[in-house]
């Protein structure tokens, strides 16, 4: 089957699924579930793929809300990543309802011609992207073994081909001091809240010496129990970001010394817990150009080159990109001035522009998979495991 006929067949299959995908996106958006609690969202996504003819492994990698859905038996194995967890307080303000349904749509469309063009398609249900590192766990447990390339689309205010996605380290900080009466015997206490304050001041001063792409931000999760009791405990959660894992390791050393300063100044005991770091996103340029052509054929516009270099967030898709050729383009939903992680952005994910992003993202990814399979040079490169 040539590329033109294969793409027409993929579009036809997606047209058949379009109404159901939009309904599913709206349903996921209306029922936000936090990381690793996506019971309904993952089940609905897996159901849609199973009904579409995919063989689905649920609770993959010993993760209750992960799944791997597979169709086709061609030599080139493409992974399409779905995310469906929400954010605390603001729901689907990162648009994972669009990510999930675009991935499902791409899988259904590509599966319609997979054997004809030489594809195996796996839709990967990856939970806990918002701080849980679901893809990292699935990588470590072998879910991506045998796959040659991976892709996903992520909604944003506008279309971007290669958004800067930085490496990030999540921290949990805890200070332990000694309680005492704040008025009658303050000298008997060790103030754990003061220790955290000292650390925050040190971090604030350090910011003038970090690179423009570095980020340090956090929240206090425990500051004591009552104002008349010297706090014997305090806690915080912090994220530290940098352009690469190498740079992240260096800046984390600086941040750790700031937290140690709080303990030294007050006499409190410091405990630091780090999660597995998210790596920077390394976009595969060959795949990017194939996606560009297909997205532009659907009317998507990447003309504002200045937007390509804006510092963005972080994603565990970065870890996947270090393991295999990958892409993570942003697909615009015309939300500006609303941006990701704002409640206004969550509302935009179920507008007509958000619904169109599902269709365009799904079809652009399906067409990209088809082109990669049918292009001898690209297929050979990916099969050989070379970027």
Protein backbone atom coordinates (compact mmCIF):
# COMPACT_ATOMS: atom_id res chain seq x y z
CA UNK A 1 0.00 0.00 0.00
CA UNK A 2 1.41 3.39 -0.94
CA UNK A 3 1.49 6.30 1.49
CA UNK A 4 -1.44 8.18 -0.04
CA UNK A 5 -3.83 5.23 0.18
CA UNK A 6 -2.61 4.35 3.66
CA UNK A 7 -3.16 7.88 4.90
CA UNK A 8 -6.64 8.01 3.38
CA UNK A 9 -7.52 4.76 5.15
CA UNK A 10 -6.12 6.07 8.44
CA UNK A 11 -8.15 9.27 8.11
CA UNK A 12 -11.30 7.28 7.39
CA UNK A 13 -10.80 5.21 10.53
CA UNK A 14 -10.21 8.32 12.62
CA UNK A 15 -13.32 9.97 11.17
CA UNK A 16 -15.32 6.98 12.37
CA UNK A 17 -13.88 7.32 15.87
CA UNK A 18 -13.94 11.12 16.10
CA UNK A 19 -17.22 11.62 17.95
CA UNK A 20 -16.37 8.97 20.53
CA UNK A 21 -12.91 10.45 21.11
CA UNK A 22 -14.33 13.91 21.77
CA UNK A 23 -16.90 12.45 24.16
CA UNK A 24 -14.14 10.55 25.98
CA UNK A 25 -11.96 13.67 26.24
CA UNK A 26 -14.81 15.61 27.81
CA UNK A 27 -15.60 12.74 30.17
CA UNK A 28 -11.98 12.50 31.37
CA UNK A 29 -11.86 16.27 31.79
CA UNK A 30 -15.02 16.20 33.90
CA UNK A 31 -13.64 13.45 36.17
CA UNK A 32 -10.06 14.53 37.03
CA UNK A 33 -7.97 11.90 38.81
CA UNK A 34 -4.57 12.49 40.37
CA UNK A 35 -1.37 10.57 39.64
CA UNK A 36 -1.69 6.80 40.01
CA UNK A 37 -5.37 7.22 40.91
CA UNK A 38 -6.59 7.36 37.29
CA UNK A 39 -8.85 4.33 37.72
CA UNK A 40 -11.68 5.49 35.48
CA UNK A 41 -9.61 7.43 32.94
CA UNK A 42 -7.25 4.53 32.30
CA UNK A 43 -10.09 2.00 32.14
CA UNK A 44 -12.08 4.14 29.68
CA UNK A 45 -8.97 4.58 27.51
CA UNK A 46 -8.17 0.87 27.56
CA UNK A 47 -11.79 0.04 26.77
CA UNK A 48 -11.77 2.30 23.71
CA UNK A 49 -8.67 0.59 22.36
CA UNK A 50 -9.94 -2.90 23.13
CA UNK A 51 -13.20 -2.13 21.33
CA UNK A 52 -11.06 -0.89 18.42
CA UNK A 53 -9.36 -4.26 18.06
CA UNK A 54 -6.24 -3.77 20.18
CA UNK A 55 -4.88 -6.47 22.46
CA UNK A 56 -4.74 -4.73 25.83
CA UNK A 57 -2.65 -5.58 28.87
CA UNK A 58 -4.14 -3.80 31.87
CA UNK A 59 -2.29 -3.06 35.12
CA UNK A 60 0.92 -3.26 33.11
CA UNK A 61 4.27 -3.23 34.93
CA UNK A 62 2.49 -3.82 38.25
CA UNK A 63 0.97 -0.35 38.00
CA UNK A 64 -2.83 -0.55 38.45
CA UNK A 65 -3.58 2.38 36.12
CA UNK A 66 -1.04 1.58 33.38
CA UNK A 67 -1.80 -0.35 30.21
CA UNK A 68 -0.15 -1.44 26.98
CA UNK A 69 -2.40 -1.83 23.93
CA UNK A 70 -0.95 -3.41 20.78
CA UNK A 71 -2.05 -3.89 17.19
CA UNK A 72 -0.31 -4.91 13.97
CA UNK A 73 2.68 -7.14 13.37
CA UNK A 74 5.00 -5.10 11.17
CA UNK A 75 8.75 -4.82 11.77
CA UNK A 76 8.76 -1.14 12.79
CA UNK A 77 7.33 -0.82 16.30
CA UNK A 78 6.04 2.65 17.23
CA UNK A 79 4.90 3.60 20.75
CA UNK A 80 2.26 6.31 21.17
CA UNK A 81 2.12 7.57 24.76
CA UNK A 82 -1.13 8.44 26.51
CA UNK A 83 -1.35 10.44 29.73
CA UNK A 84 -4.53 10.95 31.75
CA UNK A 85 -3.64 12.17 35.24
CA UNK A 86 -4.84 15.54 36.48
CA UNK A 87 -3.33 18.23 38.68
CA UNK A 88 -4.38 18.87 42.29
CA UNK A 89 -6.75 21.80 42.60
CA UNK A 90 -6.93 22.73 38.91
CA UNK A 91 -7.97 19.43 37.32
CA UNK A 92 -6.98 18.88 33.69
CA UNK A 93 -5.14 22.18 33.43
CA UNK A 94 -2.35 20.45 31.52
CA UNK A 95 -4.75 18.92 29.00
CA UNK A 96 -4.04 15.25 29.59
CA UNK A 97 -7.57 14.48 28.44
CA UNK A 98 -6.44 15.64 24.98
CA UNK A 99 -3.16 13.71 25.24
CA UNK A 100 -5.00 10.47 26.04
CA UNK A 101 -7.62 10.75 23.32
CA UNK A 102 -5.18 11.94 20.65
CA UNK A 103 -3.01 8.91 21.45
CA UNK A 104 -6.01 6.58 21.23
CA UNK A 105 -7.08 8.15 17.94
CA UNK A 106 -3.58 7.88 16.50
CA UNK A 107 -3.43 4.24 17.53
CA UNK A 108 -6.78 3.40 15.96
CA UNK A 109 -5.92 5.22 12.74
CA UNK A 110 -2.45 3.69 12.38
CA UNK A 111 -3.70 0.22 13.29
CA UNK A 112 -6.12 0.33 10.37
CA UNK A 113 -3.16 0.02 7.97
CA UNK A 114 -0.43 -1.31 10.25
CA UNK A 115 0.10 -4.66 8.56
CA UNK A 116 -0.14 -3.10 5.09
CA UNK A 117 2.65 -0.61 5.76
CA UNK A 118 4.84 -2.69 8.10
CA UNK A 119 3.93 -1.30 11.51
CA UNK A 120 3.35 -2.57 14.99
CA UNK A 121 1.55 0.07 17.07
CA UNK A 122 1.53 0.20 20.86
CA UNK A 123 -0.53 2.76 22.73
CA UNK A 124 1.12 3.11 26.12
CA UNK A 125 -1.12 4.12 29.00
CA UNK A 126 1.41 5.94 31.18
CA UNK A 127 0.05 7.09 34.57
CA UNK A 128 1.44 9.60 37.01
CA UNK A 129 3.19 12.01 34.66
CA UNK A 130 2.52 14.88 37.06
CA UNK A 131 5.31 14.08 39.47
CA UNK A 132 5.00 10.30 39.62
CA UNK A 133 7.30 9.32 36.77
CA UNK A 134 5.05 6.59 35.36
CA UNK A 135 7.05 6.33 32.14
CA UNK A 136 10.27 5.94 34.11
CA UNK A 137 8.75 3.04 36.04
CA UNK A 138 7.48 1.47 32.84
CA UNK A 139 10.88 1.91 31.17
CA UNK A 140 12.64 0.31 34.10
CA UNK A 141 10.17 -2.59 34.10
CA UNK A 142 10.56 -3.36 30.39
CA UNK A 143 7.35 -1.98 28.88
CA UNK A 144 9.23 -0.20 26.08
CA UNK A 145 11.49 -3.09 25.13
CA UNK A 146 11.38 -3.96 21.43
CA UNK A 147 10.00 -0.56 20.43
CA UNK A 148 11.92 1.57 17.95
CA UNK A 149 10.44 5.05 18.43
CA UNK A 150 7.92 6.89 20.58
CA UNK A 151 5.68 9.91 20.16
CA UNK A 152 2.94 11.95 21.79
CA UNK A 153 1.38 15.38 21.43
CA UNK A 154 0.78 17.78 24.30
CA UNK A 155 -1.73 20.66 24.22
CA UNK A 156 -0.53 24.20 24.71
CA UNK A 157 -1.54 27.73 23.74
CA UNK A 158 0.07 27.32 20.29
CA UNK A 159 1.79 24.73 18.12
CA UNK A 160 5.47 24.07 18.82
CA UNK A 161 7.63 21.42 17.17
CA UNK A 162 10.48 21.04 19.66
CA UNK A 163 9.52 22.66 22.97
CA UNK A 164 12.30 22.95 25.50
CA UNK A 165 11.47 20.39 28.20
CA UNK A 166 13.98 20.55 31.01
CA UNK A 167 15.30 17.93 33.40
CA UNK A 168 13.70 18.09 36.83
CA UNK A 169 14.36 16.70 40.30
CA UNK A 170 11.50 16.48 42.81
CA UNK A 171 12.42 16.93 46.48
CA UNK A 172 10.65 16.28 49.76
CA UNK A 173 12.21 18.24 52.61
CA UNK A 174 11.63 17.64 56.31
CA UNK A 175 13.11 19.39 59.34
CA UNK A 176 12.78 18.05 62.87
CA UNK A 177 13.35 20.35 65.83
CA UNK A 178 12.07 20.51 69.40
CA UNK A 179 8.76 21.93 70.61
CA UNK A 180 8.49 24.35 73.53
CA UNK A 181 6.19 27.11 74.78
CA UNK A 182 6.80 30.01 72.44
CA UNK A 183 6.32 32.61 75.19
CA UNK A 184 7.28 30.91 78.46
CA UNK A 185 10.32 28.91 77.32
CA UNK A 186 11.35 29.69 73.75
CA UNK A 187 14.98 29.00 74.62
CA UNK A 188 14.08 25.33 75.10
CA UNK A 189 12.87 24.92 71.53
CA UNK A 190 14.50 24.20 68.18
CA UNK A 191 12.43 25.91 65.51
CA UNK A 192 12.01 23.66 62.46
CA UNK A 193 9.97 26.34 60.66
CA UNK A 194 12.87 28.78 61.02
CA UNK A 195 15.17 26.19 59.48
CA UNK A 196 12.94 26.09 56.40
CA UNK A 197 12.80 29.89 56.29
CA UNK A 198 16.59 30.12 56.32
CA UNK A 199 16.74 27.62 53.45
CA UNK A 200 14.15 29.56 51.44
CA UNK A 201 16.05 32.82 51.90
CA UNK A 202 19.28 31.11 50.80
CA UNK A 203 17.56 29.72 47.71
CA UNK A 204 16.10 33.14 46.90
CA UNK A 205 19.54 34.73 47.04
CA UNK A 206 21.05 31.90 44.98
CA UNK A 207 18.61 32.53 42.11
CA UNK A 208 20.67 35.49 40.89
CA UNK A 209 23.52 33.06 40.14
CA UNK A 210 21.65 30.38 38.17
CA UNK A 211 21.22 30.10 34.42
CA UNK A 212 18.10 31.45 32.67
CA UNK A 213 16.90 27.91 31.97
CA UNK A 214 17.29 26.79 35.61
CA UNK A 215 14.25 26.86 37.88
CA UNK A 216 13.73 26.35 41.61
CA UNK A 217 10.23 26.43 43.05
CA UNK A 218 8.39 24.84 45.95
CA UNK A 219 5.64 24.91 48.52
CA UNK A 220 5.54 24.57 52.31
CA UNK A 221 3.44 21.57 53.30
CA UNK A 222 3.97 21.76 57.07
CA UNK A 223 4.88 24.82 59.12
CA UNK A 224 3.97 23.75 62.63
CA UNK A 225 0.77 23.32 64.66
CA UNK A 226 0.07 26.53 66.59
CA UNK A 227 1.71 29.97 66.95
CA UNK A 228 2.32 29.50 70.67
CA UNK A 229 4.26 26.26 70.13
CA UNK A 230 7.80 26.31 68.76
CA UNK A 231 7.42 24.18 65.58
CA UNK A 232 9.13 20.84 66.07
CA UNK A 233 8.52 19.88 62.46
CA UNK A 234 8.31 21.52 59.06
CA UNK A 235 8.18 20.17 55.53
CA UNK A 236 8.25 21.33 51.93
CA UNK A 237 8.14 20.02 48.40
CA UNK A 238 10.49 21.51 45.84
CA UNK A 239 11.24 21.08 42.15
CA UNK A 240 14.63 21.91 40.67
CA UNK A 241 14.95 22.16 36.87
CA UNK A 242 17.87 22.49 34.50
CA UNK A 243 18.54 22.11 30.78
CA UNK A 244 20.14 18.67 31.17
CA UNK A 245 20.64 15.93 33.73
CA UNK A 246 24.31 16.93 34.00
CA UNK A 247 23.42 20.54 34.81
CA UNK A 248 20.65 19.37 37.12
CA UNK A 249 23.11 17.38 39.20
CA UNK A 250 25.25 20.48 39.71
CA UNK A 251 22.45 22.81 40.71
CA UNK A 252 20.95 20.18 43.03
CA UNK A 253 24.22 20.26 44.96
CA UNK A 254 23.81 24.02 45.41
CA UNK A 255 20.19 23.66 46.54
CA UNK A 256 21.07 20.93 49.01
CA UNK A 257 23.58 23.24 50.67
CA UNK A 258 20.82 25.81 51.13
CA UNK A 259 18.72 23.28 52.99
CA UNK A 260 21.74 22.23 55.03
CA UNK A 261 22.22 25.89 55.98
CA UNK A 262 18.78 25.89 57.57
CA UNK A 263 19.69 22.91 59.70
CA UNK A 264 23.08 24.38 60.64
CA UNK A 265 21.61 27.74 61.62
CA UNK A 266 18.88 26.34 63.88
CA UNK A 267 20.12 22.97 65.06
CA UNK A 268 17.22 21.15 63.43
CA UNK A 269 17.69 17.77 61.79
CA UNK A 270 17.29 17.68 57.99
CA UNK A 271 15.86 14.82 55.92
CA UNK A 272 15.82 14.97 52.11
CA UNK A 273 14.05 12.52 49.83
CA UNK A 274 14.52 12.73 46.05
CA UNK A 275 12.43 11.05 43.40
CA UNK A 276 13.87 9.66 40.17
CA UNK A 277 14.76 12.68 38.00
CA UNK A 278 12.96 13.45 34.77
CA UNK A 279 15.44 13.83 31.91
CA UNK A 280 15.49 16.63 29.36
CA UNK A 281 13.50 15.98 26.19
CA UNK A 282 15.75 15.12 23.24
CA UNK A 283 13.62 15.49 20.12
CA UNK A 284 14.54 13.24 17.20
CA UNK A 285 14.99 15.69 14.34
CA UNK A 286 14.17 13.20 11.59
CA UNK A 287 10.87 12.33 13.21
CA UNK A 288 10.19 16.00 13.92
CA UNK A 289 10.42 16.89 10.23
CA UNK A 290 8.06 14.07 9.26
CA UNK A 291 5.57 15.24 11.89
CA UNK A 292 5.96 18.85 10.72
CA UNK A 293 4.97 17.97 7.16
CA UNK A 294 1.93 16.03 8.28
CA UNK A 295 0.77 18.62 10.81
CA UNK A 296 1.18 21.43 8.28
CA UNK A 297 -0.86 19.40 5.79
CA UNK A 298 -3.66 19.59 8.36
CA UNK A 299 -3.34 23.37 8.66
CA UNK A 300 -1.09 23.56 11.71
CA UNK A 301 1.33 26.52 11.78
CA UNK A 302 4.87 26.51 13.17
CA UNK A 303 5.94 29.84 11.69
CA UNK A 304 6.72 31.64 14.96
CA UNK A 305 10.22 30.28 15.43
CA UNK A 306 10.86 32.47 18.48
CA UNK A 307 8.41 30.39 20.44
CA UNK A 308 10.40 27.22 19.89
CA UNK A 309 13.10 28.21 22.38
CA UNK A 310 10.88 29.27 25.26
CA UNK A 311 11.75 27.50 28.48
CA UNK A 312 9.01 25.04 29.24
CA UNK A 313 8.10 22.45 31.79
CA UNK A 314 9.36 18.93 32.26
CA UNK A 315 8.09 15.48 31.37
CA UNK A 316 8.98 11.87 31.96
CA UNK A 317 8.79 11.55 28.18
CA UNK A 318 12.32 12.95 28.39
CA UNK A 319 13.49 9.66 29.88
CA UNK A 320 11.86 7.81 26.99
CA UNK A 321 13.63 10.13 24.53
CA UNK A 322 17.03 9.11 25.94
CA UNK A 323 16.10 5.45 25.45
CA UNK A 324 14.77 5.70 21.87
CA UNK A 325 14.06 8.30 19.16
CA UNK A 326 11.06 10.34 20.32
CA UNK A 327 9.03 13.48 19.69
CA UNK A 328 6.85 15.58 21.99
CA UNK A 329 5.36 18.47 19.96
CA UNK A 330 2.87 20.89 21.46
CA UNK A 331 -0.47 21.16 19.72
CA UNK A 332 -2.22 24.49 20.00
CA UNK A 333 -5.73 24.89 21.42
CA UNK A 334 -5.98 28.70 21.01
CA UNK A 335 -6.05 29.21 24.78
CA UNK A 336 -3.92 32.37 25.01
CA UNK A 337 -3.61 34.23 27.33
CA UNK A 338 -4.41 31.11 29.40
CA UNK A 339 -1.42 28.79 29.75
CA UNK A 340 -0.88 25.31 31.11
CA UNK A 341 -1.57 24.72 34.81
CA UNK A 342 -4.22 27.46 34.97
CA UNK A 343 -7.91 26.60 35.49
CA UNK A 344 -8.72 28.68 32.42
CA UNK A 345 -6.54 26.33 30.36
CA UNK A 346 -8.50 23.34 31.66
CA UNK A 347 -11.68 24.97 30.37
CA UNK A 348 -10.10 25.45 26.93
CA UNK A 349 -9.40 21.72 26.55
CA UNK A 350 -13.09 21.04 25.87
CA UNK A 351 -13.69 23.89 23.42
CA UNK A 352 -13.99 23.32 19.66
CA UNK A 353 -10.28 24.18 19.35
CA UNK A 354 -9.44 21.57 21.97
CA UNK A 355 -11.57 18.99 20.18
CA UNK A 356 -9.86 19.83 16.88
CA UNK A 357 -6.47 19.31 18.54
CA UNK A 358 -7.48 15.73 19.33
CA UNK A 359 -8.23 15.05 15.68
CA UNK A 360 -5.24 16.90 14.23
CA UNK A 361 -2.81 15.47 16.77
CA UNK A 362 -4.09 11.94 16.25
CA UNK A 363 -3.99 12.12 12.47
CA UNK A 364 -0.59 13.84 12.34
CA UNK A 365 0.88 11.11 14.56
CA UNK A 366 -0.76 8.30 12.59
CA UNK A 367 0.46 9.75 9.30
CA UNK A 368 3.92 10.21 10.80
CA UNK A 369 4.02 6.53 11.81
CA UNK A 370 2.95 5.54 8.28
CA UNK A 371 5.62 7.74 6.66
CA UNK A 372 8.32 6.38 8.96
CA UNK A 373 7.37 2.82 8.08
CA UNK A 374 7.26 3.45 4.34
CA UNK A 375 10.40 5.60 4.07
CA UNK A 376 13.28 3.12 3.55
CA UNK A 377 15.91 5.45 5.00
CA UNK A 378 13.95 6.42 8.11
CA UNK A 379 12.67 2.91 8.72
CA UNK A 380 16.17 1.46 8.42
CA UNK A 381 17.55 4.10 10.78
CA UNK A 382 14.93 3.45 13.45
CA UNK A 383 15.13 -0.33 13.12
CA UNK A 384 18.88 -0.09 13.60
CA UNK A 385 18.41 1.90 16.79
CA UNK A 386 20.22 4.98 15.51
CA UNK A 387 19.04 8.55 16.01
